[in-house]
Amino acid sequence: MIGKDMEKRYFVGRIQCGEDREETFTIEYYLLECRDLFSIEIVKERTDVFGESEDVENITSYPISHTRSVVERIARILLRNAVTPATMYECLDDMFEI
């Protein structure tokens, strides 16, 4: 098993959702590099009206490619479409069926 210390994490971007409601969500997108393979991590954090973090969801994709630019392009598509951890695998499956 590969330890987290052997993994590199690169920030891709962040979006804020639901700013006009009582709860807001921040979704962050990362590239993970482990042994020359890149995957995507999505972290969704819910914040209440007082700015307190309530809960965090995160998910990491399967290894997608050896090419960082390819995986980063996919992560930016997920970011533009505000893909959440709950729907990431369905979106990746749809993208790879094309």
N, C-alpha and C. Protein backbone atom coordinates (compact mmCIF):
# COMPACT_ATOMS: atom_id res chain seq x y z
N MET A 1 0.84 -1.18 0.00
CA MET A 1 0.00 0.00 0.00
C MET A 1 0.88 1.25 0.00
N ILE A 2 0.43 2.25 -0.70
CA ILE A 2 1.19 3.48 -0.85
C ILE A 2 0.80 4.46 0.24
N GLY A 3 1.80 5.00 0.92
CA GLY A 3 1.54 5.96 1.98
C GLY A 3 1.20 7.33 1.43
N LYS A 4 0.46 8.11 2.21
CA LYS A 4 0.09 9.47 1.81
C LYS A 4 1.31 10.36 1.63
N ASP A 5 2.41 10.02 2.30
CA ASP A 5 3.61 10.86 2.17
C ASP A 5 4.26 10.71 0.80
N MET A 6 3.92 9.68 0.05
CA MET A 6 4.46 9.48 -1.29
C MET A 6 3.58 10.15 -2.35
N GLU A 7 2.48 10.72 -1.93
CA GLU A 7 1.51 11.31 -2.82
C GLU A 7 1.71 12.83 -2.87
N LYS A 8 1.63 13.41 -4.07
CA LYS A 8 1.71 14.86 -4.22
C LYS A 8 0.32 15.37 -4.56
N ARG A 9 -0.02 16.52 -4.01
CA ARG A 9 -1.35 17.09 -4.19
C ARG A 9 -1.21 18.50 -4.76
N TYR A 10 -1.93 18.78 -5.87
CA TYR A 10 -1.86 20.07 -6.53
C TYR A 10 -3.25 20.69 -6.58
N PHE A 11 -3.38 21.91 -6.10
CA PHE A 11 -4.66 22.62 -6.10
C PHE A 11 -5.01 23.05 -7.52
N VAL A 12 -6.25 22.79 -7.95
CA VAL A 12 -6.71 23.17 -9.29
C VAL A 12 -7.63 24.38 -9.20
N GLY A 13 -8.58 24.36 -8.27
CA GLY A 13 -9.50 25.48 -8.16
C GLY A 13 -10.55 25.26 -7.09
N ARG A 14 -11.35 26.33 -6.86
CA ARG A 14 -12.36 26.31 -5.81
C ARG A 14 -13.58 27.08 -6.31
N ILE A 15 -14.77 26.59 -5.96
CA ILE A 15 -15.99 27.32 -6.24
C ILE A 15 -16.83 27.41 -4.97
N GLN A 16 -17.64 28.45 -4.92
CA GLN A 16 -18.55 28.68 -3.80
C GLN A 16 -19.97 28.52 -4.34
N CYS A 17 -20.79 27.72 -3.69
CA CYS A 17 -22.17 27.48 -4.13
C CYS A 17 -23.14 27.86 -3.02
N GLY A 18 -24.31 28.35 -3.40
CA GLY A 18 -25.37 28.63 -2.45
C GLY A 18 -25.14 29.84 -1.58
N GLU A 19 -24.49 30.87 -2.10
CA GLU A 19 -24.16 32.04 -1.29
C GLU A 19 -25.39 32.80 -0.82
N ASP A 20 -26.53 32.63 -1.49
CA ASP A 20 -27.74 33.36 -1.11
C ASP A 20 -28.63 32.56 -0.16
N ARG A 21 -28.15 31.41 0.28
CA ARG A 21 -28.92 30.57 1.19
C ARG A 21 -28.29 30.60 2.58
N GLU A 22 -28.93 29.88 3.51
CA GLU A 22 -28.40 29.81 4.87
C GLU A 22 -27.13 28.97 4.93
N GLU A 23 -27.03 27.98 4.06
CA GLU A 23 -25.83 27.15 4.01
C GLU A 23 -25.11 27.40 2.70
N THR A 24 -23.80 27.41 2.77
CA THR A 24 -23.00 27.52 1.56
C THR A 24 -22.10 26.30 1.45
N PHE A 25 -21.67 26.04 0.25
CA PHE A 25 -20.77 24.93 0.00
C PHE A 25 -19.53 25.46 -0.70
N THR A 26 -18.40 24.97 -0.29
CA THR A 26 -17.16 25.23 -0.99
C THR A 26 -16.70 23.90 -1.55
N ILE A 27 -16.41 23.89 -2.85
CA ILE A 27 -15.94 22.67 -3.49
C ILE A 27 -14.55 22.96 -4.04
N GLU A 28 -13.58 22.14 -3.64
CA GLU A 28 -12.20 22.29 -4.09
C GLU A 28 -11.80 21.08 -4.93
N TYR A 29 -10.96 21.35 -5.92
CA TYR A 29 -10.53 20.32 -6.86
C TYR A 29 -9.00 20.24 -6.83
N TYR A 30 -8.50 19.02 -6.75
CA TYR A 30 -7.06 18.78 -6.66
C TYR A 30 -6.64 17.69 -7.65
N LEU A 31 -5.38 17.77 -8.07
CA LEU A 31 -4.73 16.67 -8.79
C LEU A 31 -3.90 15.93 -7.76
N LEU A 32 -3.95 14.63 -7.82
CA LEU A 32 -3.10 13.80 -6.97
C LEU A 32 -2.14 13.03 -7.85
N GLU A 33 -0.86 13.07 -7.50
CA GLU A 33 0.15 12.33 -8.25
C GLU A 33 0.75 11.27 -7.34
N CYS A 34 0.71 10.05 -7.81
CA CYS A 34 1.29 8.96 -7.07
C CYS A 34 1.93 7.99 -8.07
N ARG A 35 3.23 7.85 -7.95
CA ARG A 35 3.97 6.96 -8.84
C ARG A 35 3.70 7.24 -10.32
N ASP A 36 3.78 8.49 -10.70
CA ASP A 36 3.61 8.94 -12.09
C ASP A 36 2.21 8.72 -12.64
N LEU A 37 1.24 8.49 -11.80
CA LEU A 37 -0.15 8.41 -12.22
C LEU A 37 -0.93 9.54 -11.55
N PHE A 38 -1.81 10.16 -12.32
CA PHE A 38 -2.59 11.28 -11.80
C PHE A 38 -4.04 10.90 -11.64
N SER A 39 -4.63 11.37 -10.55
CA SER A 39 -6.06 11.21 -10.30
C SER A 39 -6.59 12.55 -9.80
N ILE A 40 -7.89 12.60 -9.57
CA ILE A 40 -8.56 13.84 -9.16
C ILE A 40 -9.20 13.63 -7.79
N GLU A 41 -9.07 14.63 -6.95
CA GLU A 41 -9.75 14.62 -5.66
C GLU A 41 -10.70 15.81 -5.61
N ILE A 42 -11.93 15.58 -5.13
CA ILE A 42 -12.89 16.65 -4.94
C ILE A 42 -13.27 16.67 -3.46
N VAL A 43 -13.22 17.87 -2.87
CA VAL A 43 -13.54 18.06 -1.46
C VAL A 43 -14.67 19.09 -1.36
N LYS A 44 -15.78 18.68 -0.75
CA LYS A 44 -16.93 19.57 -0.57
C LYS A 44 -17.10 19.82 0.92
N GLU A 45 -17.13 21.10 1.28
CA GLU A 45 -17.28 21.48 2.69
C GLU A 45 -18.51 22.37 2.83
N ARG A 46 -19.38 22.00 3.73
CA ARG A 46 -20.59 22.79 3.99
C ARG A 46 -20.30 23.74 5.15
N THR A 47 -20.76 24.99 4.99
CA THR A 47 -20.56 26.01 6.02
C THR A 47 -21.92 26.61 6.37
N ASP A 48 -22.18 26.80 7.67
CA ASP A 48 -23.46 27.39 8.08
C ASP A 48 -23.38 28.92 8.06
N VAL A 49 -24.46 29.57 8.46
CA VAL A 49 -24.55 31.04 8.42
C VAL A 49 -23.53 31.73 9.30
N PHE A 50 -23.00 31.03 10.29
CA PHE A 50 -22.01 31.62 11.19
C PHE A 50 -20.58 31.38 10.73
N GLY A 51 -20.43 30.75 9.58
CA GLY A 51 -19.09 30.48 9.04
C GLY A 51 -18.45 29.24 9.60
N GLU A 52 -19.22 28.46 10.34
CA GLU A 52 -18.69 27.23 10.92
C GLU A 52 -18.78 26.09 9.92
N SER A 53 -17.72 25.32 9.81
CA SER A 53 -17.72 24.16 8.93
C SER A 53 -18.55 23.05 9.57
N GLU A 54 -19.50 22.52 8.81
CA GLU A 54 -20.37 21.49 9.36
C GLU A 54 -19.91 20.08 9.02
N ASP A 55 -19.70 19.81 7.75
CA ASP A 55 -19.20 18.49 7.39
C ASP A 55 -18.45 18.57 6.08
N VAL A 56 -17.61 17.58 5.87
CA VAL A 56 -16.75 17.54 4.70
C VAL A 56 -16.96 16.20 4.00
N GLU A 57 -17.15 16.28 2.69
CA GLU A 57 -17.21 15.09 1.84
C GLU A 57 -16.00 15.15 0.93
N ASN A 58 -15.37 14.02 0.69
CA ASN A 58 -14.32 14.02 -0.32
C ASN A 58 -14.27 12.66 -1.00
N ILE A 59 -13.76 12.70 -2.21
CA ILE A 59 -13.63 11.48 -3.01
C ILE A 59 -12.42 11.62 -3.91
N THR A 60 -11.77 10.50 -4.16
CA THR A 60 -10.61 10.47 -5.06
C THR A 60 -10.92 9.51 -6.19
N SER A 61 -10.64 9.94 -7.39
CA SER A 61 -10.88 9.10 -8.56
C SER A 61 -9.85 7.98 -8.64
N TYR A 62 -10.12 7.06 -9.52
CA TYR A 62 -9.13 6.05 -9.88
C TYR A 62 -8.03 6.75 -10.66
N PRO A 63 -6.84 6.15 -10.80
CA PRO A 63 -5.79 6.78 -11.62
C PRO A 63 -6.28 6.94 -13.06
N ILE A 64 -6.13 8.14 -13.59
CA ILE A 64 -6.68 8.45 -14.91
C ILE A 64 -5.62 8.39 -16.00
N SER A 65 -4.44 8.98 -15.75
CA SER A 65 -3.43 9.07 -16.81
C SER A 65 -2.05 9.33 -16.22
N HIS A 66 -1.04 9.07 -17.04
CA HIS A 66 0.34 9.43 -16.69
C HIS A 66 0.62 10.89 -17.05
N THR A 67 -0.27 11.51 -17.80
CA THR A 67 -0.06 12.86 -18.30
C THR A 67 -0.82 13.88 -17.45
N ARG A 68 -0.06 14.72 -16.76
CA ARG A 68 -0.67 15.69 -15.85
C ARG A 68 -1.63 16.63 -16.57
N SER A 69 -1.26 17.12 -17.75
CA SER A 69 -2.10 18.10 -18.45
C SER A 69 -3.46 17.51 -18.82
N VAL A 70 -3.52 16.23 -19.15
CA VAL A 70 -4.79 15.58 -19.49
C VAL A 70 -5.71 15.56 -18.26
N VAL A 71 -5.18 15.15 -17.14
CA VAL A 71 -5.97 15.04 -15.92
C VAL A 71 -6.36 16.43 -15.41
N GLU A 72 -5.47 17.39 -15.55
CA GLU A 72 -5.79 18.75 -15.13
C GLU A 72 -6.92 19.33 -15.99
N ARG A 73 -6.91 19.04 -17.28
CA ARG A 73 -7.98 19.50 -18.16
C ARG A 73 -9.33 18.90 -17.72
N ILE A 74 -9.33 17.62 -17.37
CA ILE A 74 -10.55 16.96 -16.89
C ILE A 74 -11.01 17.60 -15.57
N ALA A 75 -10.08 17.87 -14.67
CA ALA A 75 -10.42 18.49 -13.39
C ALA A 75 -11.03 19.87 -13.60
N ARG A 76 -10.53 20.62 -14.57
CA ARG A 76 -11.09 21.95 -14.85
C ARG A 76 -12.49 21.86 -15.44
N ILE A 77 -12.77 20.82 -16.21
CA ILE A 77 -14.13 20.60 -16.72
C ILE A 77 -15.07 20.31 -15.54
N LEU A 78 -14.62 19.47 -14.62
CA LEU A 78 -15.43 19.17 -13.43
C LEU A 78 -15.67 20.43 -12.61
N LEU A 79 -14.65 21.27 -12.48
CA LEU A 79 -14.75 22.53 -11.75
C LEU A 79 -15.76 23.46 -12.41
N ARG A 80 -15.67 23.64 -13.72
CA ARG A 80 -16.60 24.52 -14.44
C ARG A 80 -18.05 24.07 -14.27
N ASN A 81 -18.26 22.77 -14.14
CA ASN A 81 -19.61 22.23 -14.02
C ASN A 81 -20.02 21.96 -12.58
N ALA A 82 -19.22 22.40 -11.63
CA ALA A 82 -19.53 22.27 -10.19
C ALA A 82 -19.87 20.83 -9.81
N VAL A 83 -19.07 19.89 -10.30
CA VAL A 83 -19.28 18.48 -9.99
C VAL A 83 -18.93 18.23 -8.53
N THR A 84 -19.79 17.52 -7.84
CA THR A 84 -19.61 17.23 -6.42
C THR A 84 -19.01 15.84 -6.23
N PRO A 85 -18.54 15.53 -5.03
CA PRO A 85 -18.02 14.18 -4.78
C PRO A 85 -19.04 13.08 -5.10
N ALA A 86 -20.32 13.36 -4.85
CA ALA A 86 -21.36 12.35 -5.07
C ALA A 86 -21.55 11.99 -6.54
N THR A 87 -21.20 12.91 -7.44
CA THR A 87 -21.45 12.66 -8.87
C THR A 87 -20.18 12.51 -9.71
N MET A 88 -19.01 12.57 -9.09
CA MET A 88 -17.77 12.54 -9.87
C MET A 88 -17.63 11.28 -10.70
N TYR A 89 -17.87 10.10 -10.13
CA TYR A 89 -17.67 8.87 -10.89
C TYR A 89 -18.60 8.77 -12.08
N GLU A 90 -19.86 9.20 -11.94
CA GLU A 90 -20.78 9.18 -13.07
C GLU A 90 -20.30 10.10 -14.18
N CYS A 91 -19.80 11.28 -13.80
CA CYS A 91 -19.28 12.23 -14.79
C CYS A 91 -18.06 11.68 -15.50
N LEU A 92 -17.14 11.07 -14.75
CA LEU A 92 -15.96 10.48 -15.39
C LEU A 92 -16.35 9.34 -16.32
N ASP A 93 -17.29 8.51 -15.89
CA ASP A 93 -17.76 7.41 -16.75
C ASP A 93 -18.33 7.97 -18.04
N ASP A 94 -19.15 9.03 -17.95
CA ASP A 94 -19.73 9.64 -19.15
C ASP A 94 -18.65 10.22 -20.06
N MET A 95 -17.63 10.84 -19.47
CA MET A 95 -16.56 11.44 -20.27
C MET A 95 -15.75 10.37 -21.00
N PHE A 96 -15.51 9.26 -20.36
CA PHE A 96 -14.68 8.23 -20.98
C PHE A 96 -15.44 7.35 -21.97
N GLU A 97 -16.78 7.43 -21.98
CA GLU A 97 -17.57 6.69 -22.96
C GLU A 97 -17.53 7.34 -24.32
N ILE A 98 -17.22 8.64 -24.37
CA ILE A 98 -17.21 9.38 -25.63
C ILE A 98 -16.09 8.89 -26.54
